[in-house]
């Protein structure tokens, strides 16, 4: 395990780490890792086929956001899931488990959609070819979504630094749960390090 005490959520740093991990995957023997992954997916598939719920999560901030979700989908299909079954873990199954109007196209559901170039029901890799997102009926292109981060990569939203915090960020202040007191038993886990927690809170809801 890396010395995670110096890890942060800086996207520029994470990109470099992702590139290193990809190089390792290409150059080192992955037989043991793939065998373990296959067993894990087969266990999940058995639960799914028996009528249980497998729900995709982000594991934020432990895992690589977005990237890990798409790699999970690809691994699920590689080791037994149909593309439809895999996609349901991130859509309708999540909505059903949370008892929220999410994850399916139907009257009365929340209008949160992702538009992709391709057909992920035939080729799961196409799920990553996002062209547009629709949140609450509002359309956002990929260009729109990344624009606030273009001026200073890795330092947060330009709008937030300029004092124009997004409405969702301001709303988060009013709904934030009371913070759990720090306990020495959590110090061994990098995601509980104060630096990481502070950066996570800042990137979500707080000013610099």
C-alpha atoms as a PDB file:
ATOM      1  CA  UNK A   1       0.000   0.000   0.000  1.00  0.00           C
ATOM      2  CA  UNK A   2       1.244   3.470  -0.840  1.00  0.00           C
ATOM      3  CA  UNK A   3       2.092   5.933   1.886  1.00  0.00           C
ATOM      4  CA  UNK A   4      -1.401   7.318   1.741  1.00  0.00           C
ATOM      5  CA  UNK A   5      -0.820   9.908   4.423  1.00  0.00           C
ATOM      6  CA  UNK A   6       0.435  12.245   1.729  1.00  0.00           C
ATOM      7  CA  UNK A   7      -2.308  11.393  -0.740  1.00  0.00           C
ATOM      8  CA  UNK A   8      -4.733  14.137  -1.652  1.00  0.00           C
ATOM      9  CA  UNK A   9      -7.676  14.391  -4.023  1.00  0.00           C
ATOM     10  CA  UNK A  10      -5.709  16.553  -6.467  1.00  0.00           C
ATOM     11  CA  UNK A  11      -6.829  15.441  -9.970  1.00  0.00           C
ATOM     12  CA  UNK A  12      -3.438  16.177 -11.541  1.00  0.00           C
ATOM     13  CA  UNK A  13      -1.749  13.906  -9.001  1.00  0.00           C
ATOM     14  CA  UNK A  14      -4.362  11.205  -9.543  1.00  0.00           C
ATOM     15  CA  UNK A  15      -3.842  11.289 -13.308  1.00  0.00           C
ATOM     16  CA  UNK A  16      -0.160  10.552 -12.832  1.00  0.00           C
ATOM     17  CA  UNK A  17      -1.031   7.717 -10.455  1.00  0.00           C
ATOM     18  CA  UNK A  18      -3.538   6.256 -12.909  1.00  0.00           C
ATOM     19  CA  UNK A  19      -0.931   6.294 -15.655  1.00  0.00           C
ATOM     20  CA  UNK A  20       1.508   4.450 -13.387  1.00  0.00           C
ATOM     21  CA  UNK A  21      -1.144   1.855 -12.530  1.00  0.00           C
ATOM     22  CA  UNK A  22      -1.941   1.356 -16.208  1.00  0.00           C
ATOM     23  CA  UNK A  23       1.749   0.855 -16.991  1.00  0.00           C
ATOM     24  CA  UNK A  24       1.997  -1.710 -14.197  1.00  0.00           C
ATOM     25  CA  UNK A  25      -1.025  -3.581 -15.527  1.00  0.00           C
ATOM     26  CA  UNK A  26       0.529  -3.702 -18.990  1.00  0.00           C
ATOM     27  CA  UNK A  27       4.013  -4.776 -17.925  1.00  0.00           C
ATOM     28  CA  UNK A  28       3.509  -7.082 -14.922  1.00  0.00           C
ATOM     29  CA  UNK A  29       1.861 -10.490 -14.651  1.00  0.00           C
ATOM     30  CA  UNK A  30      -1.779  -9.971 -13.669  1.00  0.00           C
ATOM     31  CA  UNK A  31      -2.774 -13.648 -13.508  1.00  0.00           C
ATOM     32  CA  UNK A  32      -3.341 -13.721  -9.737  1.00  0.00           C
ATOM     33  CA  UNK A  33      -5.184 -10.398  -9.743  1.00  0.00           C
ATOM     34  CA  UNK A  34      -7.434 -11.478 -12.595  1.00  0.00           C
ATOM     35  CA  UNK A  35      -8.203 -14.821 -10.952  1.00  0.00           C
ATOM     36  CA  UNK A  36      -9.217 -13.041  -7.748  1.00  0.00           C
ATOM     37  CA  UNK A  37     -11.320 -10.560  -9.708  1.00  0.00           C
ATOM     38  CA  UNK A  38     -13.030 -13.411 -11.547  1.00  0.00           C
ATOM     39  CA  UNK A  39     -13.990 -15.085  -8.256  1.00  0.00           C
ATOM     40  CA  UNK A  40     -15.371 -11.827  -6.875  1.00  0.00           C
ATOM     41  CA  UNK A  41     -17.471 -11.168  -9.963  1.00  0.00           C
ATOM     42  CA  UNK A  42     -18.780 -14.734 -10.019  1.00  0.00           C
ATOM     43  CA  UNK A  43     -19.885 -14.348  -6.389  1.00  0.00           C
ATOM     44  CA  UNK A  44     -21.693 -11.100  -7.228  1.00  0.00           C
ATOM     45  CA  UNK A  45     -23.277 -12.702 -10.276  1.00  0.00           C
ATOM     46  CA  UNK A  46     -24.594 -15.582  -8.184  1.00  0.00           C
ATOM     47  CA  UNK A  47     -26.268 -13.059  -5.874  1.00  0.00           C
ATOM     48  CA  UNK A  48     -27.740 -11.184  -8.836  1.00  0.00           C
ATOM     49  CA  UNK A  49     -29.071 -14.306 -10.533  1.00  0.00           C
ATOM     50  CA  UNK A  50     -30.620 -15.411  -7.220  1.00  0.00           C
ATOM     51  CA  UNK A  51     -32.609 -12.176  -7.059  1.00  0.00           C
ATOM     52  CA  UNK A  52     -30.334 -10.221  -4.728  1.00  0.00           C
ATOM     53  CA  UNK A  53     -29.030  -6.692  -5.098  1.00  0.00           C
ATOM     54  CA  UNK A  54     -25.556  -5.747  -6.196  1.00  0.00           C
ATOM     55  CA  UNK A  55     -25.194  -1.975  -6.063  1.00  0.00           C
ATOM     56  CA  UNK A  56     -22.315  -0.090  -7.632  1.00  0.00           C
ATOM     57  CA  UNK A  57     -20.617   2.454  -5.377  1.00  0.00           C
ATOM     58  CA  UNK A  58     -17.800   4.946  -5.854  1.00  0.00           C
ATOM     59  CA  UNK A  59     -15.807   4.100  -2.705  1.00  0.00           C
ATOM     60  CA  UNK A  60     -14.978   7.807  -2.594  1.00  0.00           C
ATOM     61  CA  UNK A  61     -12.332   8.870  -1.769  1.00  0.00           C
ATOM     62  CA  UNK A  62     -10.654   5.453  -1.573  1.00  0.00           C
ATOM     63  CA  UNK A  63     -10.914   4.544  -5.238  1.00  0.00           C
ATOM     64  CA  UNK A  64     -10.467   6.417  -8.519  1.00  0.00           C
ATOM     65  CA  UNK A  65     -13.779   8.191  -9.073  1.00  0.00           C
ATOM     66  CA  UNK A  66     -15.534   7.520 -12.387  1.00  0.00           C
ATOM     67  CA  UNK A  67     -12.622   5.428 -13.661  1.00  0.00           C
ATOM     68  CA  UNK A  68     -13.290   2.705 -11.090  1.00  0.00           C
ATOM     69  CA  UNK A  69     -16.992   2.632 -11.967  1.00  0.00           C
ATOM     70  CA  UNK A  70     -16.294   1.969 -15.638  1.00  0.00           C
ATOM     71  CA  UNK A  71     -13.612  -0.596 -14.838  1.00  0.00           C
ATOM     72  CA  UNK A  72     -16.110  -2.347 -12.542  1.00  0.00           C
ATOM     73  CA  UNK A  73     -18.654  -2.501 -15.365  1.00  0.00           C
ATOM     74  CA  UNK A  74     -16.073  -3.938 -17.766  1.00  0.00           C
ATOM     75  CA  UNK A  75     -14.891  -6.524 -15.253  1.00  0.00           C
ATOM     76  CA  UNK A  76     -18.451  -7.608 -14.541  1.00  0.00           C
ATOM     77  CA  UNK A  77     -19.111  -8.190 -18.241  1.00  0.00           C
ATOM     78  CA  UNK A  78     -15.735  -9.863 -18.762  1.00  0.00           C
ATOM     79  CA  UNK A  79     -16.522 -12.456 -16.097  1.00  0.00           C
ATOM     80  CA  UNK A  80     -20.161 -13.331 -16.667  1.00  0.00           C
ATOM     81  CA  UNK A  81     -22.598 -10.431 -16.389  1.00  0.00           C
ATOM     82  CA  UNK A  82     -24.502  -9.316 -19.440  1.00  0.00           C
ATOM     83  CA  UNK A  83     -24.025  -5.610 -20.214  1.00  0.00           C
ATOM     84  CA  UNK A  84     -27.630  -5.031 -19.179  1.00  0.00           C
ATOM     85  CA  UNK A  85     -27.147  -6.733 -15.810  1.00  0.00           C
ATOM     86  CA  UNK A  86     -23.961  -4.785 -15.157  1.00  0.00           C
ATOM     87  CA  UNK A  87     -25.554  -1.435 -16.030  1.00  0.00           C
ATOM     88  CA  UNK A  88     -28.502  -2.185 -13.749  1.00  0.00           C
ATOM     89  CA  UNK A  89     -26.161  -2.263 -10.733  1.00  0.00           C
ATOM     90  CA  UNK A  90     -25.475   1.430 -11.364  1.00  0.00           C
ATOM     91  CA  UNK A  91     -29.018   2.423 -12.345  1.00  0.00           C
ATOM     92  CA  UNK A  92     -32.285   0.653 -11.546  1.00  0.00           C
ATOM     93  CA  UNK A  93     -30.935  -1.601  -8.780  1.00  0.00           C
ATOM     94  CA  UNK A  94     -29.501   1.414  -6.979  1.00  0.00           C
ATOM     95  CA  UNK A  95     -32.795   3.264  -7.272  1.00  0.00           C
ATOM     96  CA  UNK A  96     -34.766   0.292  -5.953  1.00  0.00           C
ATOM     97  CA  UNK A  97     -32.422  -0.232  -3.011  1.00  0.00           C
ATOM     98  CA  UNK A  98     -32.521   3.452  -2.062  1.00  0.00           C
ATOM     99  CA  UNK A  99     -36.293   3.599  -2.641  1.00  0.00           C
ATOM    100  CA  UNK A 100     -35.750   6.696  -4.744  1.00  0.00           C
ATOM    101  CA  UNK A 101     -37.184   7.624  -8.187  1.00  0.00           C
ATOM    102  CA  UNK A 102     -33.867   6.895  -9.880  1.00  0.00           C
ATOM    103  CA  UNK A 103     -32.359   4.599 -12.442  1.00  0.00           C
ATOM    104  CA  UNK A 104     -35.138   4.012 -14.978  1.00  0.00           C
ATOM    105  CA  UNK A 105     -36.832   5.955 -17.779  1.00  0.00           C
ATOM    106  CA  UNK A 106     -40.413   6.332 -16.666  1.00  0.00           C
ATOM    107  CA  UNK A 107     -42.953   9.058 -15.940  1.00  0.00           C
ATOM    108  CA  UNK A 108     -42.456  10.452 -12.450  1.00  0.00           C
ATOM    109  CA  UNK A 109     -38.785   9.510 -12.179  1.00  0.00           C
ATOM    110  CA  UNK A 110     -36.013  12.071 -11.747  1.00  0.00           C
ATOM    111  CA  UNK A 111     -34.739  13.304 -15.108  1.00  0.00           C
ATOM    112  CA  UNK A 112     -31.082  12.403 -14.496  1.00  0.00           C
ATOM    113  CA  UNK A 113     -29.582  10.853 -17.629  1.00  0.00           C
ATOM    114  CA  UNK A 114     -26.247  10.196 -19.256  1.00  0.00           C
ATOM    115  CA  UNK A 115     -26.111  10.296 -23.069  1.00  0.00           C
ATOM    116  CA  UNK A 116     -23.327   8.232 -24.630  1.00  0.00           C
ATOM    117  CA  UNK A 117     -21.952   7.729 -28.113  1.00  0.00           C
ATOM    118  CA  UNK A 118     -22.554   4.040 -28.807  1.00  0.00           C
ATOM    119  CA  UNK A 119     -24.600   1.218 -27.329  1.00  0.00           C
ATOM    120  CA  UNK A 120     -23.387  -0.033 -23.933  1.00  0.00           C
ATOM    121  CA  UNK A 121     -25.987  -2.810 -24.067  1.00  0.00           C
ATOM    122  CA  UNK A 122     -23.920  -4.298 -26.878  1.00  0.00           C
ATOM    123  CA  UNK A 123     -20.464  -2.987 -25.947  1.00  0.00           C
ATOM    124  CA  UNK A 124     -20.017  -2.076 -22.279  1.00  0.00           C
ATOM    125  CA  UNK A 125     -17.006   0.140 -23.078  1.00  0.00           C
ATOM    126  CA  UNK A 126     -19.397   2.576 -24.767  1.00  0.00           C
ATOM    127  CA  UNK A 127     -20.733   3.542 -21.332  1.00  0.00           C
ATOM    128  CA  UNK A 128     -17.616   5.675 -20.940  1.00  0.00           C
ATOM    129  CA  UNK A 129     -18.224   7.595 -24.181  1.00  0.00           C
ATOM    130  CA  UNK A 130     -20.262  10.281 -22.415  1.00  0.00           C
ATOM    131  CA  UNK A 131     -21.318  13.225 -24.559  1.00  0.00           C
ATOM    132  CA  UNK A 132     -24.031  14.834 -22.438  1.00  0.00           C
ATOM    133  CA  UNK A 133     -25.522  14.613 -18.958  1.00  0.00           C
ATOM    134  CA  UNK A 134     -29.025  15.691 -17.967  1.00  0.00           C
ATOM    135  CA  UNK A 135     -29.605  16.474 -14.291  1.00  0.00           C
ATOM    136  CA  UNK A 136     -33.064  17.469 -13.145  1.00  0.00           C
ATOM    137  CA  UNK A 137     -33.984  18.141 -16.770  1.00  0.00           C
ATOM    138  CA  UNK A 138     -31.041  20.500 -17.335  1.00  0.00           C
ATOM    139  CA  UNK A 139     -28.644  19.578 -20.146  1.00  0.00           C
ATOM    140  CA  UNK A 140     -24.860  19.734 -19.607  1.00  0.00           C
ATOM    141  CA  UNK A 141     -22.226  18.910 -22.202  1.00  0.00           C
ATOM    142  CA  UNK A 142     -18.848  17.514 -21.243  1.00  0.00           C
ATOM    143  CA  UNK A 143     -17.303  20.841 -22.241  1.00  0.00           C
ATOM    144  CA  UNK A 144     -19.670  22.676 -19.883  1.00  0.00           C
ATOM    145  CA  UNK A 145     -18.830  20.393 -16.978  1.00  0.00           C
ATOM    146  CA  UNK A 146     -15.042  20.616 -17.244  1.00  0.00           C
ATOM    147  CA  UNK A 147     -14.906  24.347 -18.031  1.00  0.00           C
ATOM    148  CA  UNK A 148     -14.742  25.521 -14.372  1.00  0.00           C
ATOM    149  CA  UNK A 149     -11.575  23.480 -13.860  1.00  0.00           C
ATOM    150  CA  UNK A 150      -9.686  24.672 -16.917  1.00  0.00           C
ATOM    151  CA  UNK A 151      -7.880  27.680 -15.419  1.00  0.00           C
ATOM    152  CA  UNK A 152      -6.039  25.905 -12.595  1.00  0.00           C
ATOM    153  CA  UNK A 153      -6.059  22.120 -12.889  1.00  0.00           C
ATOM    154  CA  UNK A 154      -6.383  20.381  -9.563  1.00  0.00           C
ATOM    155  CA  UNK A 155      -7.255  23.483  -7.547  1.00  0.00           C
ATOM    156  CA  UNK A 156     -11.044  23.325  -7.639  1.00  0.00           C
ATOM    157  CA  UNK A 157     -13.803  25.240  -9.340  1.00  0.00           C
ATOM    158  CA  UNK A 158     -13.019  28.667 -10.730  1.00  0.00           C
ATOM    159  CA  UNK A 159     -16.534  29.788  -9.804  1.00  0.00           C
ATOM    160  CA  UNK A 160     -15.996  28.778  -6.187  1.00  0.00           C
ATOM    161  CA  UNK A 161     -12.626  30.566  -5.986  1.00  0.00           C
ATOM    162  CA  UNK A 162     -14.249  33.701  -7.355  1.00  0.00           C
ATOM    163  CA  UNK A 163     -16.850  33.602  -4.596  1.00  0.00           C
ATOM    164  CA  UNK A 164     -19.666  32.377  -6.858  1.00  0.00           C
ATOM    165  CA  UNK A 165     -20.253  29.007  -5.258  1.00  0.00           C
ATOM    166  CA  UNK A 166     -22.660  26.643  -7.056  1.00  0.00           C
ATOM    167  CA  UNK A 167     -26.126  26.313  -5.560  1.00  0.00           C
ATOM    168  CA  UNK A 168     -25.508  22.628  -4.812  1.00  0.00           C
ATOM    169  CA  UNK A 169     -22.394  23.573  -2.859  1.00  0.00           C
ATOM    170  CA  UNK A 170     -24.240  26.211  -0.842  1.00  0.00           C
ATOM    171  CA  UNK A 171     -27.081  23.784  -0.149  1.00  0.00           C
ATOM    172  CA  UNK A 172     -24.608  21.236   1.184  1.00  0.00           C
ATOM    173  CA  UNK A 173     -23.761  23.571   4.088  1.00  0.00           C
ATOM    174  CA  UNK A 174     -27.341  23.361   5.310  1.00  0.00           C
ATOM    175  CA  UNK A 175     -27.567  19.571   5.089  1.00  0.00           C
ATOM    176  CA  UNK A 176     -24.125  18.479   6.297  1.00  0.00           C
ATOM    177  CA  UNK A 177     -24.331  15.951   9.111  1.00  0.00           C
ATOM    178  CA  UNK A 178     -22.521  16.480  12.377  1.00  0.00           C
ATOM    179  CA  UNK A 179     -18.911  15.396  12.064  1.00  0.00           C
ATOM    180  CA  UNK A 180     -17.856  12.159  13.719  1.00  0.00           C
ATOM    181  CA  UNK A 181     -15.221  12.732  16.428  1.00  0.00           C
ATOM    182  CA  UNK A 182     -11.762  11.611  15.441  1.00  0.00           C
ATOM    183  CA  UNK A 183     -10.685   8.276  16.894  1.00  0.00           C
ATOM    184  CA  UNK A 184      -7.064   6.955  17.034  1.00  0.00           C
ATOM    185  CA  UNK A 185      -8.247   3.609  15.672  1.00  0.00           C
ATOM    186  CA  UNK A 186      -8.907   5.164  12.274  1.00  0.00           C
ATOM    187  CA  UNK A 187      -5.420   6.610  11.828  1.00  0.00           C
ATOM    188  CA  UNK A 188      -4.152   3.544   9.993  1.00  0.00           C
ATOM    189  CA  UNK A 189      -6.410   4.244   7.023  1.00  0.00           C
ATOM    190  CA  UNK A 190      -5.215   6.949   4.633  1.00  0.00           C
ATOM    191  CA  UNK A 191      -8.728   8.120   3.768  1.00  0.00           C
ATOM    192  CA  UNK A 192      -9.186   9.249   7.378  1.00  0.00           C
ATOM    193  CA  UNK A 193      -6.080  11.434   7.351  1.00  0.00           C
ATOM    194  CA  UNK A 194      -6.978  15.072   8.160  1.00  0.00           C
ATOM    195  CA  UNK A 195      -5.400  16.338   4.930  1.00  0.00           C
ATOM    196  CA  UNK A 196      -7.546  14.044   2.789  1.00  0.00           C
ATOM    197  CA  UNK A 197     -10.711  14.787   4.747  1.00  0.00           C
ATOM    198  CA  UNK A 198     -10.126  18.525   4.540  1.00  0.00           C
ATOM    199  CA  UNK A 199      -9.609  18.356   0.779  1.00  0.00           C
ATOM    200  CA  UNK A 200     -12.723  16.209   0.335  1.00  0.00           C
ATOM    201  CA  UNK A 201     -14.843  18.678   2.280  1.00  0.00           C
ATOM    202  CA  UNK A 202     -13.376  21.641   0.410  1.00  0.00           C
ATOM    203  CA  UNK A 203     -13.971  20.078  -2.994  1.00  0.00           C
ATOM    204  CA  UNK A 204     -17.571  19.257  -2.091  1.00  0.00           C
ATOM    205  CA  UNK A 205     -18.990  22.047  -0.050  1.00  0.00           C
ATOM    206  CA  UNK A 206     -16.553  24.549   1.373  1.00  0.00           C
ATOM    207  CA  UNK A 207     -14.616  27.582   0.247  1.00  0.00           C
ATOM    208  CA  UNK A 208     -10.818  27.447  -0.164  1.00  0.00           C
END
